[in-house]
Amino acid sequence: MTARPADFPPPFSPEEFIAEPSDPPEERIDVGALVVGAGPAGLSAAIRLAQLLEERPDLRERLGEVPIAVVEKGSAPGAHLLSGAVVNPRAFRQLFPGMHTEDMPFRGPVVHEGLYYLTSKRALRLPAPPTMWNHGNHVASLAEMGRWLAERAEELGVTIVPETAARKLLVSGGRVVGIRTGDRGRGRDGEELPNFEPGSDIRARVTILAEGTQGHLTGVASSRFALASKPQVWALGVKEVWEVPRPLERVIHTMGWPLRGARKYREFGGSFIYPLGESLVALGMVVGLDYADATLSVHDLLQELKGHPFVRRILEGGKRVAWGAKTIPEGGFLALPDRFHFPGGMIVGDGAGLVNVPALKGIHYAMRSGMLAAETAFDALGPGRTPWQPGALESYDAALRESYIWRDLERVRNMRPAFKYGFVPGAMIAGAAMNSLGKFPPRDLSLERDAEVPVFVGNRDRAYPQPDGKLFFDKLSSVFLSGNKTRDDAPSHIRIDRKVRREVAEMWVHLCPAQVYEISGEASPAGNVVGVEVTASNCIQCGAISAKGGRLTPPEGGDGPEYSLM
């Protein structure tokens, strides 16, 4: 039997997270420009705006005591950042003209690389398509990059406020005027604990949403202002960092095993293995969330991958030192919003879906979009102008469409959706699309929301290796390694239907890399419906549940993982 996660929508309404400003003037916080999220896009926006304001001290003074503020839900910038990552340095050079590459937050240049097709025992070297050529790119830790960018922002006078969850969008007179932060110190049932602190209104003249993948207020703004008419699709990446005795001298990507190529499974993805200096190796498994077998688990596929002779040799004698997981927007050009601005604000980076899946790149697009948003905000904040006037922020959309971001994504727009037909047909269509520079197929392919894809209970889980604490690990030990700080008695920030078809429940159990969901009770005689229990304190905020039928809302500020090497 099959069922669709979309048939069991969560108890969630975007309107719950929209409010009029309510704090009196003496209690609210007023800033000039507000950036939500201290990732590459948000920090690049803050840095670029600060650079522009350095040239206009009169305008900086008009913006008040806090001209630019960045709120970050993690314990510090970088704490929630995770990516592969091989970085195109183009945006860094645009943001920091004249800076030497050696001074940028990279672990090293890509010197050698290889693409392999895996079977269960063999690794066959393949010629890499041009989209995956990485000459001139650099390996980096995104968490380290976030910390470095935050330091550059603070040097320019940007105020960064960590441990602060942006919970509600403040809307007044049809325009966004800031955010309301989440309460702190509530118990499991929402009761006020002795250390309770209510959230605050942060009023801003312009608000830039840079929340990254599955951004909470990004979704709220998109719904309120009808920004997007096309569905987004997602992948889940699970990543580990290993300390190894032998340095890895090349960047490696794999496709094929342990994923299955048959069309009925709809399994698309692959792995990456990157050097992080002489003693560290990052490896991860990335799988599209439009798969059909409910027993597929990306976390466990990564464990299985490590047992392959080709991968085992790289890790032999090593020790796992870090773990994490995150979703990735994969729809590309075909899933971009109709508009990237709204009255009083803009959306940047992964929140806008600016990821090139065939090239495995998104960081430089995120940074560049943040810079373009900052330049638009600077113009809109000038004398005689306001960011909520009709047309005041339209130039951001125009700048995106004229940028290399747009050109790059348009050329590869049909490559990701081609794989819904299975690996071999998908590879043929994707290859034709790449070789024709996007002119084939003549009509754009369609995307289907991940939650709309029917799922069935297969038996993929029978092949997962048993945890041994040395090479293969269970989910709970992995969550511990992420540094997760979520309180056990905190209110649940996860919204799901607690009574669903078994197929959907099994999918949630296997999907989650952090063992948040558990089936409870026997199936009801009518409709094969089971209960689902939620352990929200395990959640590392990867966002996968929001793609597959549930909805994350912001937990208390500072909760979640504490990534340092991711």
Protein backbone atom coordinates (compact mmCIF):
# COMPACT_ATOMS: atom_id res chain seq x y z
CA MET A 1 0.00 0.00 0.00
CA THR A 2 1.02 3.60 -0.49
CA ALA A 3 0.14 6.87 1.21
CA ARG A 4 1.16 10.47 0.77
CA PRO A 5 2.56 12.60 3.62
CA ALA A 6 0.61 15.53 2.18
CA ASP A 7 -2.61 13.72 3.13
CA PHE A 8 -1.75 14.35 6.80
CA PRO A 9 -1.03 18.09 7.08
CA PRO A 10 0.38 19.43 10.34
CA PRO A 11 -1.60 21.67 12.70
CA PHE A 12 0.06 24.84 11.42
CA SER A 13 -1.10 28.18 10.03
CA PRO A 14 1.27 30.92 8.82
CA GLU A 15 -1.12 33.51 10.27
CA GLU A 16 -0.20 32.29 13.76
CA PHE A 17 3.24 33.77 13.20
CA ILE A 18 2.20 37.21 11.95
CA ALA A 19 1.54 39.97 14.46
CA GLU A 20 1.17 43.70 14.80
CA PRO A 21 3.91 45.36 16.84
CA SER A 22 2.83 45.36 20.49
CA ASP A 23 5.76 46.43 22.68
CA PRO A 24 5.63 50.03 23.95
CA PRO A 25 8.38 52.31 22.61
CA GLU A 26 10.45 52.06 25.79
CA GLU A 27 10.56 48.24 25.56
CA ARG A 28 10.95 47.59 21.85
CA ILE A 29 14.26 47.45 20.04
CA ASP A 30 14.71 49.79 17.07
CA VAL A 31 17.31 49.10 14.40
CA GLY A 32 17.96 50.47 10.94
CA ALA A 33 18.32 47.27 8.91
CA LEU A 34 17.58 43.84 10.38
CA VAL A 35 19.06 40.61 9.02
CA VAL A 36 17.52 37.33 10.20
CA GLY A 37 20.16 34.59 10.11
CA ALA A 38 23.95 34.68 10.49
CA GLY A 39 24.83 32.45 7.56
CA PRO A 40 26.80 33.37 4.42
CA ALA A 41 23.87 35.26 2.86
CA GLY A 42 22.90 37.22 5.96
CA LEU A 43 26.41 38.13 7.03
CA SER A 44 27.34 39.13 3.49
CA ALA A 45 24.30 41.39 3.43
CA ALA A 46 25.30 42.95 6.74
CA ILE A 47 28.93 43.41 5.67
CA ARG A 48 28.04 44.95 2.32
CA LEU A 49 25.54 47.35 3.87
CA ALA A 50 28.11 48.36 6.51
CA GLN A 51 30.66 48.98 3.77
CA LEU A 52 28.23 51.26 1.97
CA LEU A 53 27.32 53.11 5.15
CA GLU A 54 30.99 53.81 5.82
CA GLU A 55 30.86 56.04 2.77
CA ARG A 56 27.68 57.75 4.03
CA PRO A 57 28.09 58.60 7.72
CA ASP A 58 25.07 60.91 7.50
CA LEU A 59 22.81 58.00 6.52
CA ARG A 60 24.38 55.74 9.12
CA GLU A 61 23.55 58.31 11.79
CA ARG A 62 19.94 58.56 10.56
CA LEU A 63 19.54 54.79 11.10
CA GLY A 64 19.98 55.18 14.86
CA GLU A 65 22.17 53.65 17.53
CA VAL A 66 22.00 50.21 15.84
CA PRO A 67 22.23 50.79 12.09
CA ILE A 68 22.55 47.07 11.27
CA ALA A 69 21.58 44.09 13.44
CA VAL A 70 21.78 40.36 12.75
CA VAL A 71 19.73 37.94 14.84
CA GLU A 72 20.88 34.31 14.94
CA LYS A 73 18.93 31.44 16.52
CA GLY A 74 22.06 29.36 17.18
CA SER A 75 24.27 29.80 20.23
CA ALA A 76 26.78 31.68 18.04
CA PRO A 77 27.35 32.38 14.34
CA GLY A 78 28.23 29.09 12.66
CA ALA A 79 26.57 26.86 15.26
CA HIS A 80 23.80 25.81 12.84
CA LEU A 81 25.80 25.99 9.60
CA LEU A 82 26.51 22.81 7.66
CA SER A 83 27.53 22.18 4.08
CA GLY A 84 29.92 20.03 2.02
CA ALA A 85 31.65 22.41 1.20
CA VAL A 86 33.67 23.18 -1.91
CA VAL A 87 33.43 26.94 -2.36
CA ASN A 88 33.72 29.10 -5.44
CA PRO A 89 35.65 32.14 -4.11
CA ARG A 90 34.01 34.56 -6.58
CA ALA A 91 31.66 36.15 -4.05
CA PHE A 92 34.46 36.52 -1.49
CA ARG A 93 36.48 38.47 -4.03
CA GLN A 94 33.50 40.69 -4.75
CA LEU A 95 32.80 41.31 -1.06
CA PHE A 96 36.45 41.79 -0.07
CA PRO A 97 38.18 43.26 -3.13
CA GLY A 98 41.93 43.06 -2.91
CA MET A 99 41.97 40.35 -0.23
CA HIS A 100 44.34 37.47 -0.93
CA THR A 101 42.81 34.00 -1.14
CA GLU A 102 45.18 32.86 1.64
CA ASP A 103 43.41 35.27 4.00
CA MET A 104 39.95 33.85 3.26
CA PRO A 105 38.42 31.18 5.55
CA PHE A 106 39.31 28.16 3.40
CA ARG A 107 40.96 24.89 4.36
CA GLY A 108 42.79 24.53 1.04
CA PRO A 109 42.45 24.63 -2.75
CA VAL A 110 41.05 21.78 -4.81
CA VAL A 111 44.18 20.28 -6.38
CA HIS A 112 42.89 16.90 -7.55
CA GLU A 113 39.37 15.51 -7.85
CA GLY A 114 37.60 12.37 -8.91
CA LEU A 115 34.08 11.21 -9.72
CA TYR A 116 33.26 7.53 -9.14
CA TYR A 117 30.32 5.26 -9.84
CA LEU A 118 30.00 2.74 -7.02
CA THR A 119 28.71 -0.79 -7.09
CA SER A 120 28.51 -2.73 -3.83
CA LYS A 121 32.18 -3.74 -4.13
CA ARG A 122 33.81 -1.62 -6.82
CA ALA A 123 34.52 2.04 -7.59
CA LEU A 124 34.61 2.92 -11.29
CA ARG A 125 36.29 6.23 -12.20
CA LEU A 126 34.15 8.45 -14.44
CA PRO A 127 34.92 11.64 -16.35
CA ALA A 128 33.43 14.51 -14.38
CA PRO A 129 30.88 16.67 -16.25
CA PRO A 130 31.80 20.35 -16.61
CA THR A 131 29.27 21.31 -13.93
CA MET A 132 31.40 19.42 -11.39
CA TRP A 133 34.82 20.79 -12.34
CA ASN A 134 36.33 22.45 -9.27
CA HIS A 135 39.60 23.91 -10.50
CA GLY A 136 40.06 27.22 -8.69
CA ASN A 137 37.61 26.33 -5.91
CA HIS A 138 38.46 25.73 -2.25
CA VAL A 139 37.44 23.28 0.47
CA ALA A 140 35.99 24.90 3.58
CA SER A 141 34.02 24.33 6.75
CA LEU A 142 30.83 26.39 6.54
CA ALA A 143 30.68 26.70 10.34
CA GLU A 144 34.20 28.16 10.37
CA MET A 145 33.25 30.44 7.48
CA GLY A 146 30.26 31.75 9.42
CA ARG A 147 32.40 32.62 12.42
CA TRP A 148 34.95 34.38 10.19
CA LEU A 149 32.28 36.42 8.39
CA ALA A 150 30.73 37.35 11.75
CA GLU A 151 34.07 38.74 12.89
CA ARG A 152 34.38 40.82 9.73
CA ALA A 153 30.84 42.13 10.25
CA GLU A 154 31.49 43.11 13.86
CA GLU A 155 34.68 44.92 12.82
CA LEU A 156 32.43 47.11 10.65
CA GLY A 157 30.08 47.87 13.54
CA VAL A 158 27.35 45.31 12.85
CA THR A 159 25.49 44.16 15.98
CA ILE A 160 25.10 40.36 16.08
CA VAL A 161 22.58 38.94 18.55
CA PRO A 162 22.92 35.14 18.99
CA GLU A 163 20.56 32.76 20.83
CA THR A 164 17.64 34.74 19.39
CA ALA A 165 14.89 32.97 17.48
CA ALA A 166 12.86 35.06 15.04
CA ARG A 167 9.39 33.69 15.78
CA LYS A 168 6.88 36.15 14.31
CA LEU A 169 6.85 38.56 11.41
CA LEU A 170 5.72 42.03 12.46
CA VAL A 171 3.31 43.38 9.85
CA SER A 172 1.63 46.76 10.07
CA GLY A 173 -0.26 48.56 7.34
CA GLY A 174 0.44 45.74 4.91
CA ARG A 175 4.21 45.96 5.27
CA VAL A 176 6.86 44.14 7.31
CA VAL A 177 8.28 46.34 10.06
CA GLY A 178 10.49 43.79 11.83
CA ILE A 179 10.18 40.59 13.86
CA ARG A 180 9.17 39.38 17.28
CA THR A 181 11.64 37.10 19.00
CA GLY A 182 10.61 33.91 20.77
CA ASP A 183 10.04 33.57 24.49
CA ARG A 184 12.70 31.93 26.62
CA GLY A 185 12.16 29.79 29.71
CA ARG A 186 8.88 28.01 29.00
CA GLY A 187 8.16 24.47 30.16
CA ARG A 188 7.00 21.47 28.18
CA ASP A 189 3.35 22.59 28.28
CA GLY A 190 4.13 26.24 27.62
CA GLU A 191 4.08 27.27 31.27
CA GLU A 192 6.40 30.06 32.45
CA LEU A 193 9.43 28.77 34.36
CA PRO A 194 11.29 30.85 36.99
CA ASN A 195 13.78 32.00 34.34
CA PHE A 196 11.07 33.07 31.87
CA GLU A 197 11.85 35.97 29.52
CA PRO A 198 9.23 37.15 27.02
CA GLY A 199 10.18 37.82 23.44
CA SER A 200 10.69 41.33 22.13
CA ASP A 201 9.64 43.36 19.13
CA ILE A 202 12.58 44.33 16.95
CA ARG A 203 11.46 47.17 14.68
CA ALA A 204 13.40 47.77 11.47
CA ARG A 205 13.15 49.97 8.40
CA VAL A 206 14.08 47.02 6.21
CA THR A 207 14.20 43.30 7.03
CA ILE A 208 16.35 40.79 5.13
CA LEU A 209 15.36 37.16 5.66
CA ALA A 210 18.50 35.01 5.45
CA GLU A 211 17.32 32.00 7.42
CA GLY A 212 18.78 29.38 5.09
CA THR A 213 17.10 26.13 4.17
CA GLN A 214 13.48 25.71 5.34
CA GLY A 215 13.43 29.20 6.84
CA HIS A 216 10.49 29.69 9.19
CA LEU A 217 9.69 33.36 8.55
CA THR A 218 10.63 32.92 4.90
CA GLY A 219 7.72 30.50 4.58
CA VAL A 220 5.45 32.82 6.54
CA ALA A 221 6.33 35.80 4.33
CA SER A 222 5.95 33.73 1.18
CA SER A 223 2.44 32.74 2.24
CA ARG A 224 1.38 36.21 3.42
CA PHE A 225 2.62 38.05 0.33
CA ALA A 226 2.09 35.27 -2.25
CA LEU A 227 5.74 35.23 -3.30
CA ALA A 228 5.95 31.73 -4.80
CA SER A 229 3.64 29.80 -7.10
CA LYS A 230 5.97 26.83 -7.78
CA PRO A 231 6.86 24.01 -5.39
CA GLN A 232 10.33 23.64 -3.90
CA VAL A 233 11.95 20.21 -3.53
CA TRP A 234 14.63 19.23 -1.05
CA ALA A 235 17.48 16.87 -0.31
CA LEU A 236 18.80 15.76 3.06
CA GLY A 237 22.54 15.69 3.66
CA VAL A 238 24.09 13.79 6.57
CA LYS A 239 27.76 14.56 7.19
CA GLU A 240 30.59 13.28 9.35
CA VAL A 241 34.12 14.59 9.95
CA TRP A 242 36.87 12.08 10.61
CA GLU A 243 40.37 12.44 11.96
CA VAL A 244 42.48 10.14 9.80
CA PRO A 245 46.14 9.05 9.84
CA ARG A 246 46.71 9.58 6.11
CA PRO A 247 45.90 12.85 4.32
CA LEU A 248 43.37 12.79 1.51
CA GLU A 249 44.78 14.61 -1.50
CA ARG A 250 41.70 14.97 -3.68
CA VAL A 251 38.05 15.91 -3.64
CA ILE A 252 35.83 12.86 -4.29
CA HIS A 253 32.22 12.55 -5.39
CA THR A 254 30.35 9.29 -5.87
CA MET A 255 27.06 8.20 -7.40
CA GLY A 256 25.33 4.86 -7.64
CA TRP A 257 25.44 2.45 -4.69
CA PRO A 258 24.07 2.46 -2.00
CA LEU A 259 21.19 4.16 -3.85
CA ARG A 260 18.97 2.11 -6.15
CA GLY A 261 18.47 3.15 -9.76
CA ALA A 262 15.02 1.71 -10.47
CA ARG A 263 12.32 4.24 -11.25
CA LYS A 264 9.93 2.97 -8.57
CA TYR A 265 12.37 3.98 -5.81
CA ARG A 266 13.02 7.54 -7.12
CA GLU A 267 16.37 7.63 -5.33
CA PHE A 268 18.63 10.49 -6.42
CA GLY A 269 21.83 11.63 -4.76
CA GLY A 270 25.39 10.68 -4.01
CA SER A 271 28.24 11.18 -1.61
CA PHE A 272 31.14 13.57 -1.12
CA ILE A 273 34.53 13.02 0.53
CA TYR A 274 36.62 16.15 1.03
CA PRO A 275 40.00 16.83 2.67
CA LEU A 276 39.98 19.37 5.51
CA GLY A 277 43.73 19.76 5.85
CA GLU A 278 46.20 16.96 6.52
CA SER A 279 44.40 15.12 9.29
CA LEU A 280 40.67 15.67 8.72
CA VAL A 281 38.26 14.27 6.14
CA ALA A 282 34.62 15.30 5.66
CA LEU A 283 32.25 12.78 4.12
CA GLY A 284 28.53 12.92 3.59
CA MET A 285 25.55 11.39 1.88
CA VAL A 286 22.98 13.59 0.11
CA VAL A 287 19.64 12.15 -1.05
CA GLY A 288 16.64 13.86 -2.63
CA LEU A 289 13.53 13.77 -0.44
CA ASP A 290 11.23 12.70 -3.27
CA TYR A 291 12.10 9.04 -2.70
CA ALA A 292 9.33 6.44 -2.36
CA ASP A 293 10.55 3.71 0.03
CA ALA A 294 9.61 4.67 3.59
CA THR A 295 12.47 2.60 5.02
CA LEU A 296 15.18 4.67 3.35
CA SER A 297 17.37 6.46 5.92
CA VAL A 298 20.07 8.87 4.75
CA HIS A 299 21.89 8.50 8.06
CA ASP A 300 22.05 4.75 7.67
CA LEU A 301 22.98 4.96 3.99
CA LEU A 302 26.02 6.95 5.07
CA GLN A 303 26.91 4.23 7.56
CA GLU A 304 26.53 1.65 4.79
CA LEU A 305 28.70 3.74 2.45
CA LYS A 306 31.57 3.67 4.95
CA GLY A 307 31.67 -0.12 4.64
CA HIS A 308 32.52 0.07 0.93
CA PRO A 309 36.18 -0.94 0.36
CA PHE A 310 36.90 2.34 -1.46
CA VAL A 311 35.65 4.48 1.45
CA ARG A 312 36.82 2.20 4.25
CA ARG A 313 40.43 2.57 3.06
CA ILE A 314 40.21 6.36 3.45
CA LEU A 315 38.86 6.12 7.02
CA GLU A 316 40.94 3.15 8.20
CA GLY A 317 42.64 3.86 11.52
CA GLY A 318 40.65 7.06 11.95
CA LYS A 319 38.14 8.42 14.45
CA ARG A 320 34.82 10.20 13.93
CA VAL A 321 34.95 13.67 15.53
CA ALA A 322 31.85 15.50 14.26
CA TRP A 323 28.40 14.80 12.81
CA GLY A 324 25.44 16.80 11.55
CA ALA A 325 22.60 16.99 9.03
CA LYS A 326 20.81 19.63 6.98
CA THR A 327 18.34 19.93 4.12
CA ILE A 328 19.23 21.53 0.78
CA PRO A 329 16.79 23.25 -1.61
CA GLU A 330 17.14 21.37 -4.90
CA GLY A 331 14.46 22.79 -7.18
CA GLY A 332 16.83 25.35 -8.67
CA PHE A 333 15.55 27.68 -11.39
CA LEU A 334 12.21 25.85 -11.72
CA ALA A 335 11.40 26.47 -8.05
CA LEU A 336 12.51 30.09 -7.66
CA PRO A 337 9.97 32.48 -6.11
CA ASP A 338 7.98 34.73 -8.41
CA ARG A 339 9.22 37.67 -6.32
CA PHE A 340 12.18 37.90 -3.95
CA HIS A 341 10.99 41.06 -2.20
CA PHE A 342 7.93 42.06 -0.23
CA PRO A 343 6.83 45.36 1.34
CA GLY A 344 9.65 46.15 3.76
CA GLY A 345 11.94 43.20 3.09
CA MET A 346 13.76 40.68 0.89
CA ILE A 347 14.66 36.98 0.85
CA VAL A 348 18.23 35.84 0.14
CA GLY A 349 20.36 32.70 -0.11
CA ASP A 350 19.02 29.20 0.46
CA GLY A 351 15.73 30.69 1.62
CA ALA A 352 15.24 31.83 -1.96
CA GLY A 353 16.40 28.44 -3.32
CA LEU A 354 19.61 29.75 -4.91
CA VAL A 355 21.40 26.39 -5.20
CA ASN A 356 22.95 24.84 -8.31
CA VAL A 357 22.46 21.11 -7.70
CA PRO A 358 24.42 19.76 -10.73
CA ALA A 359 27.41 21.91 -9.70
CA LEU A 360 26.92 21.18 -5.97
CA LYS A 361 27.24 24.91 -5.27
CA GLY A 362 25.20 27.47 -3.37
CA ILE A 363 27.45 29.37 -0.97
CA HIS A 364 28.74 31.97 -3.42
CA TYR A 365 25.19 32.46 -4.72
CA ALA A 366 23.98 33.03 -1.15
CA MET A 367 26.70 35.58 -0.50
CA ARG A 368 26.11 37.40 -3.76
CA SER A 369 22.35 37.58 -3.19
CA GLY A 370 23.00 39.05 0.26
CA MET A 371 25.25 41.70 -1.28
CA LEU A 372 22.63 42.60 -3.90
CA ALA A 373 19.95 42.86 -1.20
CA ALA A 374 22.21 45.14 0.83
CA GLU A 375 22.76 47.44 -2.14
CA THR A 376 19.01 47.60 -2.73
CA ALA A 377 18.40 48.34 0.97
CA PHE A 378 21.02 51.09 0.93
CA ASP A 379 19.29 52.82 -1.94
CA ALA A 380 15.85 52.42 -0.35
CA LEU A 381 17.03 53.86 2.98
CA GLY A 382 18.27 57.07 1.42
CA PRO A 383 16.73 60.51 2.05
CA GLY A 384 13.16 60.80 0.82
CA ARG A 385 12.73 57.05 0.35
CA THR A 386 11.32 54.19 2.42
CA PRO A 387 11.74 50.43 1.77
CA TRP A 388 8.00 49.80 1.91
CA GLN A 389 7.02 52.22 -0.83
CA PRO A 390 5.67 50.43 -3.92
CA GLY A 391 8.60 49.46 -6.09
CA ALA A 392 11.25 50.46 -3.53
CA LEU A 393 12.80 46.99 -3.41
CA GLU A 394 12.00 45.78 -6.92
CA SER A 395 15.56 46.53 -8.01
CA TYR A 396 16.69 43.53 -5.92
CA ASP A 397 14.70 41.18 -8.16
CA ALA A 398 16.11 42.91 -11.24
CA ALA A 399 19.66 42.64 -9.91
CA LEU A 400 19.23 38.91 -9.27
CA ARG A 401 17.91 38.35 -12.78
CA GLU A 402 20.88 40.20 -14.27
CA SER A 403 23.45 38.34 -12.14
CA TYR A 404 25.51 35.22 -12.80
CA ILE A 405 23.27 33.45 -10.28
CA TRP A 406 20.34 33.63 -12.68
CA ARG A 407 22.36 32.60 -15.74
CA ASP A 408 23.93 29.64 -13.96
CA LEU A 409 20.65 28.30 -12.60
CA GLU A 410 18.75 28.77 -15.85
CA ARG A 411 21.22 26.64 -17.82
CA VAL A 412 20.85 23.61 -15.54
CA ARG A 413 17.16 24.01 -14.69
CA ASN A 414 16.01 20.62 -16.07
CA MET A 415 18.83 18.45 -14.75
CA ARG A 416 17.51 17.71 -11.24
CA PRO A 417 13.84 16.91 -12.15
CA ALA A 418 15.02 14.52 -14.88
CA PHE A 419 15.96 11.91 -12.28
CA LYS A 420 12.39 11.26 -11.22
CA TYR A 421 12.35 8.87 -14.22
CA GLY A 422 15.11 6.71 -12.71
CA PHE A 423 18.90 6.92 -12.76
CA VAL A 424 19.66 5.90 -16.36
CA PRO A 425 16.88 7.91 -18.11
CA GLY A 426 17.57 10.81 -15.76
CA ALA A 427 21.29 10.79 -16.53
CA MET A 428 20.56 10.80 -20.27
CA ILE A 429 18.15 13.75 -20.03
CA ALA A 430 20.47 15.64 -17.68
CA GLY A 431 23.41 15.07 -20.00
CA ALA A 432 21.46 16.39 -22.97
CA ALA A 433 20.34 19.40 -20.95
CA MET A 434 23.93 20.18 -19.95
CA ASN A 435 25.40 19.74 -23.45
CA SER A 436 22.72 21.97 -24.97
CA LEU A 437 23.32 24.69 -22.33
CA GLY A 438 19.73 24.28 -21.15
CA LYS A 439 18.04 24.29 -24.56
CA PHE A 440 17.01 20.62 -24.22
CA PRO A 441 14.42 19.45 -23.36
CA PRO A 442 12.46 22.09 -25.29
CA ARG A 443 9.89 22.34 -22.51
CA ASP A 444 10.70 22.65 -18.85
CA LEU A 445 10.14 19.59 -16.70
CA SER A 446 7.84 19.83 -13.70
CA LEU A 447 8.57 19.53 -10.01
CA GLU A 448 6.44 17.62 -7.54
CA ARG A 449 6.40 18.53 -3.86
CA ASP A 450 8.24 15.93 -1.81
CA ALA A 451 5.22 15.45 0.45
CA GLU A 452 3.02 14.66 -2.59
CA VAL A 453 5.09 11.60 -3.57
CA PRO A 454 3.40 8.36 -2.43
CA VAL A 455 5.49 6.22 -0.10
CA PHE A 456 5.43 2.47 0.52
CA VAL A 457 7.04 0.33 3.21
CA GLY A 458 9.87 -1.58 1.58
CA ASN A 459 12.76 -3.47 3.12
CA ARG A 460 15.73 -1.16 2.52
CA ASP A 461 16.47 -1.11 6.23
CA ARG A 462 17.47 -4.80 6.25
CA ALA A 463 20.84 -3.95 4.68
CA TYR A 464 21.92 -1.21 7.09
CA PRO A 465 25.01 -2.18 9.13
CA GLN A 466 24.77 -2.73 12.85
CA PRO A 467 26.42 0.05 14.90
CA ASP A 468 29.83 -0.95 16.26
CA GLY A 469 30.95 2.39 17.71
CA LYS A 470 34.04 2.41 15.48
CA LEU A 471 32.97 2.68 11.83
CA PHE A 472 29.18 2.45 12.04
CA PHE A 473 27.13 4.57 14.47
CA ASP A 474 23.53 4.83 15.62
CA LYS A 475 21.47 8.01 15.47
CA LEU A 476 21.52 8.87 19.19
CA SER A 477 25.31 8.76 19.48
CA SER A 478 25.43 10.96 16.39
CA VAL A 479 23.06 13.52 17.93
CA PHE A 480 25.33 13.64 20.99
CA LEU A 481 28.30 14.37 18.73
CA SER A 482 26.42 17.32 17.17
CA GLY A 483 26.55 19.13 20.52
CA ASN A 484 22.75 19.44 20.60
CA LYS A 485 21.70 21.79 23.41
CA THR A 486 17.91 21.49 23.31
CA ARG A 487 16.34 21.19 26.77
CA ASP A 488 14.42 17.99 27.51
CA ASP A 489 11.61 20.02 29.11
CA ALA A 490 11.32 22.63 26.34
CA PRO A 491 8.02 23.00 24.45
CA SER A 492 7.94 21.01 21.23
CA HIS A 493 8.73 23.09 18.16
CA ILE A 494 7.63 20.30 15.79
CA ARG A 495 4.15 20.24 14.27
CA ILE A 496 2.92 16.94 12.83
CA ASP A 497 -0.34 15.03 12.64
CA ARG A 498 0.03 12.51 15.48
CA LYS A 499 -2.29 9.94 13.82
CA VAL A 500 -1.19 8.93 10.33
CA ARG A 501 -1.03 5.96 8.00
CA ARG A 502 1.70 3.49 8.89
CA GLU A 503 3.53 4.20 5.63
CA VAL A 504 3.90 7.86 6.57
CA ALA A 505 4.87 7.09 10.16
CA GLU A 506 7.52 4.60 9.03
CA MET A 507 8.86 7.19 6.63
CA TRP A 508 9.19 9.81 9.40
CA VAL A 509 10.94 7.32 11.69
CA HIS A 510 13.53 6.38 9.06
CA LEU A 511 13.82 9.86 7.54
CA CYS A 512 14.88 11.65 10.70
CA PRO A 513 18.66 11.44 11.32
CA ALA A 514 18.17 12.34 14.99
CA GLN A 515 15.62 9.70 16.10
CA VAL A 516 12.89 12.22 16.89
CA TYR A 517 9.88 10.11 15.80
CA GLU A 518 8.61 6.78 17.08
CA ILE A 519 5.54 4.73 16.24
CA SER A 520 3.30 4.16 19.25
CA GLY A 521 0.54 1.60 19.66
CA GLU A 522 -0.96 -0.90 17.28
CA ALA A 523 -2.47 0.09 13.95
CA SER A 524 -6.16 0.83 14.02
CA PRO A 525 -8.29 -1.72 12.13
CA ALA A 526 -9.68 1.03 9.89
CA GLY A 527 -7.17 2.65 7.58
CA ASN A 528 -3.95 1.21 9.06
CA VAL A 529 -3.51 4.34 11.20
CA VAL A 530 -0.85 4.49 13.93
CA GLY A 531 0.21 7.01 16.55
CA VAL A 532 3.48 8.93 16.40
CA GLU A 533 5.47 10.03 19.44
CA VAL A 534 7.87 12.99 19.18
CA THR A 535 11.08 13.52 21.17
CA ALA A 536 11.65 17.13 20.17
CA SER A 537 14.77 17.52 22.31
CA ASN A 538 16.65 15.24 19.87
CA CYS A 539 15.94 17.56 16.93
CA ILE A 540 18.95 19.14 15.21
CA GLN A 541 16.72 21.38 13.06
CA CYS A 542 17.73 19.81 9.75
CA GLY A 543 14.34 20.68 8.23
CA ALA A 544 13.56 17.30 6.67
CA ILE A 545 10.19 16.97 8.39
CA SER A 546 9.02 20.24 6.81
CA ALA A 547 9.64 18.72 3.38
CA LYS A 548 7.82 15.48 4.16
CA GLY A 549 4.54 16.45 5.74
CA GLY A 550 5.34 18.23 9.01
CA ARG A 551 6.49 21.71 9.99
CA LEU A 552 9.33 22.98 12.14
CA THR A 553 8.75 26.15 14.12
CA PRO A 554 11.56 27.98 15.94
CA PRO A 555 12.67 26.40 19.21
CA GLU A 556 14.06 28.52 22.01
CA GLY A 557 17.03 30.61 20.95
CA GLY A 558 20.32 28.79 21.50
CA ASP A 559 18.76 25.33 21.20
CA GLY A 560 19.94 22.88 18.57
CA PRO A 561 23.37 21.76 17.43
CA GLU A 562 26.74 23.39 18.10
CA TYR A 563 28.64 22.77 14.89
CA SER A 564 32.29 23.78 14.74
CA LEU A 565 33.71 21.79 11.80
CA MET A 566 30.63 21.33 9.65
